[in-house]
Each structure stands twice: as structure tokens, then as C-alpha cells.
Amino acid sequence: LRKQGKKQQADQLQNRLAEMRERFREEQAASAERKLAAARKLDVDQLVESAYLRTLSREPDEDEMQVARQYVQDAKDPSAGLRDVLWALINTKEFIFLR
């Protein structure tokens, strides 16, 4: 367009292209953030389920999963939250074996 002497149209298209590129970058970043959030949730759910299976030999029910998930999310460090959930499971009456 510039070679054809249509500088104004070329500038408009260039600005539009820059806007589209920026919007694409924003959408990509948002999509990556959503994927990361989903992966974090999936990891926590899998780890909580694994903790239940290893300590109580059963899967957590939905209420237990929700409580554990919330506890891990509220912890300042997810690994510390998961460690505390595991300790809570170890200290349940279900885990204790009496002779």
C-alpha cells in the first residue's frame, strides 16, 4: 500500500495488526494461566487422593476432597499444606491400628 501511495491505509493496517498481535498475546497468556491453574488443581487432587489411598486405603469422598483442597490452597506453601493433610490422615482413628 505504501508503494501505491496509500500511506494512511498502510498506517491503519499496521496499527490494526499491532492491536491484533497484542490481543493474541493477551489471549495466549490468559490461556496459559488457565491451563496452569487447571494443572495445579489436578496435581493437588491427585496428591490428596494418593495420600488417602496410602494412609486409609480408600479414596476421599467429595467433602473430604473439598476440605483438603481448600486447606492446601489456604496454606502459604502447597507442599506444606499437603504435608499437613497427610499428617492429619495419619492421626485419624481410621489409620490407628489397635491390638
C-alpha atoms as a PDB file:
ATOM      1  CA  LEU A   1       0.000   0.000   0.000  1.00  0.00           C
ATOM      2  CA  ARG A   2       2.872   2.365   0.728  1.00  0.00           C
ATOM      3  CA  LYS A   3       4.315   1.718  -2.740  1.00  0.00           C
ATOM      4  CA  GLN A   4       0.924   2.603  -4.162  1.00  0.00           C
ATOM      5  CA  GLY A   5       0.965   5.883  -2.256  1.00  0.00           C
ATOM      6  CA  LYS A   6      -1.693   4.829   0.253  1.00  0.00           C
ATOM      7  CA  LYS A   7       0.247   5.747   3.377  1.00  0.00           C
ATOM      8  CA  GLN A   8      -2.837   6.382   5.537  1.00  0.00           C
ATOM      9  CA  GLN A   9      -4.318   2.946   4.750  1.00  0.00           C
ATOM     10  CA  ALA A  10      -0.949   1.283   5.344  1.00  0.00           C
ATOM     11  CA  ASP A  11      -0.648   3.020   8.737  1.00  0.00           C
ATOM     12  CA  GLN A  12      -4.183   1.976   9.691  1.00  0.00           C
ATOM     13  CA  LEU A  13      -3.486  -1.631   8.749  1.00  0.00           C
ATOM     14  CA  GLN A  14      -0.190  -1.582  10.604  1.00  0.00           C
ATOM     15  CA  ASN A  15      -1.923  -0.268  13.740  1.00  0.00           C
ATOM     16  CA  ARG A  16      -4.677  -2.851  13.395  1.00  0.00           C
ATOM     17  CA  LEU A  17      -2.097  -5.619  13.038  1.00  0.00           C
ATOM     18  CA  ALA A  18      -0.287  -4.391  16.172  1.00  0.00           C
ATOM     19  CA  GLU A  19      -3.603  -4.422  18.100  1.00  0.00           C
ATOM     20  CA  MET A  20      -4.376  -7.951  16.904  1.00  0.00           C
ATOM     21  CA  ARG A  21      -0.899  -9.156  17.899  1.00  0.00           C
ATOM     22  CA  GLU A  22      -1.309  -7.651  21.377  1.00  0.00           C
ATOM     23  CA  ARG A  23      -4.745  -9.216  21.799  1.00  0.00           C
ATOM     24  CA  PHE A  24      -3.348 -12.573  20.652  1.00  0.00           C
ATOM     25  CA  ARG A  25      -0.521 -12.312  23.221  1.00  0.00           C
ATOM     26  CA  GLU A  26      -3.046 -11.474  25.959  1.00  0.00           C
ATOM     27  CA  GLU A  27      -5.270 -14.409  24.978  1.00  0.00           C
ATOM     28  CA  GLN A  28      -2.260 -16.744  24.900  1.00  0.00           C
ATOM     29  CA  ALA A  29      -1.189 -15.564  28.361  1.00  0.00           C
ATOM     30  CA  ALA A  30      -4.729 -15.997  29.727  1.00  0.00           C
ATOM     31  CA  SER A  31      -4.961 -19.449  28.173  1.00  0.00           C
ATOM     32  CA  ALA A  32      -1.617 -20.443  29.666  1.00  0.00           C
ATOM     33  CA  GLU A  33      -2.744 -19.159  33.079  1.00  0.00           C
ATOM     34  CA  ARG A  34      -5.978 -21.185  32.856  1.00  0.00           C
ATOM     35  CA  LYS A  35      -4.008 -24.302  31.899  1.00  0.00           C
ATOM     36  CA  LEU A  36      -1.591 -23.743  34.763  1.00  0.00           C
ATOM     37  CA  ALA A  37      -4.453 -23.294  37.225  1.00  0.00           C
ATOM     38  CA  ALA A  38      -6.093 -26.480  35.958  1.00  0.00           C
ATOM     39  CA  ALA A  39      -2.797 -28.365  36.258  1.00  0.00           C
ATOM     40  CA  ARG A  40      -2.315 -27.115  39.810  1.00  0.00           C
ATOM     41  CA  LYS A  41      -5.811 -28.226  40.753  1.00  0.00           C
ATOM     42  CA  LEU A  42      -5.292 -31.600  39.089  1.00  0.00           C
ATOM     43  CA  ASP A  43      -1.960 -32.096  40.865  1.00  0.00           C
ATOM     44  CA  VAL A  44      -3.465 -31.257  44.264  1.00  0.00           C
ATOM     45  CA  ASP A  45      -6.422 -33.556  43.649  1.00  0.00           C
ATOM     46  CA  GLN A  46      -4.147 -36.403  42.606  1.00  0.00           C
ATOM     47  CA  LEU A  47      -1.843 -35.901  45.574  1.00  0.00           C
ATOM     48  CA  VAL A  48      -4.724 -35.748  48.056  1.00  0.00           C
ATOM     49  CA  GLU A  49      -6.231 -38.883  46.540  1.00  0.00           C
ATOM     50  CA  SER A  50      -2.862 -40.623  46.735  1.00  0.00           C
ATOM     51  CA  ALA A  51      -2.480 -39.614  50.392  1.00  0.00           C
ATOM     52  CA  TYR A  52      -5.889 -41.091  51.204  1.00  0.00           C
ATOM     53  CA  LEU A  53      -5.139 -44.304  49.347  1.00  0.00           C
ATOM     54  CA  ARG A  54      -1.755 -44.710  51.025  1.00  0.00           C
ATOM     55  CA  THR A  55      -2.931 -43.969  54.557  1.00  0.00           C
ATOM     56  CA  LEU A  56      -6.568 -45.080  54.709  1.00  0.00           C
ATOM     57  CA  SER A  57      -6.692 -47.462  51.719  1.00  0.00           C
ATOM     58  CA  ARG A  58      -9.655 -45.623  50.286  1.00  0.00           C
ATOM     59  CA  GLU A  59     -10.399 -42.605  48.137  1.00  0.00           C
ATOM     60  CA  PRO A  60     -11.616 -39.399  49.770  1.00  0.00           C
ATOM     61  CA  ASP A  61     -15.285 -38.557  49.456  1.00  0.00           C
ATOM     62  CA  GLU A  62     -16.219 -35.244  47.862  1.00  0.00           C
ATOM     63  CA  ASP A  63     -16.452 -33.394  51.186  1.00  0.00           C
ATOM     64  CA  GLU A  64     -13.045 -34.651  52.287  1.00  0.00           C
ATOM     65  CA  MET A  65     -11.540 -33.710  48.937  1.00  0.00           C
ATOM     66  CA  GLN A  66     -13.018 -30.217  49.132  1.00  0.00           C
ATOM     67  CA  VAL A  67     -11.712 -29.668  52.674  1.00  0.00           C
ATOM     68  CA  ALA A  68      -8.230 -30.927  51.756  1.00  0.00           C
ATOM     69  CA  ARG A  69      -8.166 -28.872  48.549  1.00  0.00           C
ATOM     70  CA  GLN A  70      -9.177 -25.722  50.446  1.00  0.00           C
ATOM     71  CA  TYR A  71      -6.587 -26.398  53.146  1.00  0.00           C
ATOM     72  CA  VAL A  72      -3.816 -26.723  50.562  1.00  0.00           C
ATOM     73  CA  GLN A  73      -4.952 -23.568  48.772  1.00  0.00           C
ATOM     74  CA  ASP A  74      -5.018 -21.588  52.032  1.00  0.00           C
ATOM     75  CA  ALA A  75      -1.538 -22.749  53.063  1.00  0.00           C
ATOM     76  CA  LYS A  76       1.319 -20.367  52.348  1.00  0.00           C
ATOM     77  CA  ASP A  77       3.130 -23.204  50.565  1.00  0.00           C
ATOM     78  CA  PRO A  78       1.242 -26.015  48.745  1.00  0.00           C
ATOM     79  CA  SER A  79       3.787 -28.639  49.775  1.00  0.00           C
ATOM     80  CA  ALA A  80       3.391 -27.659  53.431  1.00  0.00           C
ATOM     81  CA  GLY A  81      -0.390 -27.830  53.039  1.00  0.00           C
ATOM     82  CA  LEU A  82      -0.182 -31.308  51.534  1.00  0.00           C
ATOM     83  CA  ARG A  83       2.198 -32.417  54.262  1.00  0.00           C
ATOM     84  CA  ASP A  84      -0.280 -31.214  56.900  1.00  0.00           C
ATOM     85  CA  VAL A  85      -3.130 -33.065  55.158  1.00  0.00           C
ATOM     86  CA  LEU A  86      -1.046 -36.240  55.227  1.00  0.00           C
ATOM     87  CA  TRP A  87      -0.288 -35.803  58.926  1.00  0.00           C
ATOM     88  CA  ALA A  88      -3.976 -35.236  59.626  1.00  0.00           C
ATOM     89  CA  LEU A  89      -4.765 -38.512  57.844  1.00  0.00           C
ATOM     90  CA  ILE A  90      -2.093 -40.382  59.788  1.00  0.00           C
ATOM     91  CA  ASN A  91      -3.621 -39.116  63.036  1.00  0.00           C
ATOM     92  CA  THR A  92      -7.183 -40.234  62.239  1.00  0.00           C
ATOM     93  CA  LYS A  93      -8.828 -43.125  64.074  1.00  0.00           C
ATOM     94  CA  GLU A  94      -9.095 -44.922  60.722  1.00  0.00           C
ATOM     95  CA  PHE A  95      -5.309 -45.095  60.454  1.00  0.00           C
ATOM     96  CA  ILE A  96      -4.598 -46.231  64.016  1.00  0.00           C
ATOM     97  CA  PHE A  97      -4.369 -50.000  64.488  1.00  0.00           C
ATOM     98  CA  LEU A  98      -5.035 -51.356  67.959  1.00  0.00           C
ATOM     99  CA  ARG A  99      -4.301 -54.867  69.165  1.00  0.00           C
END
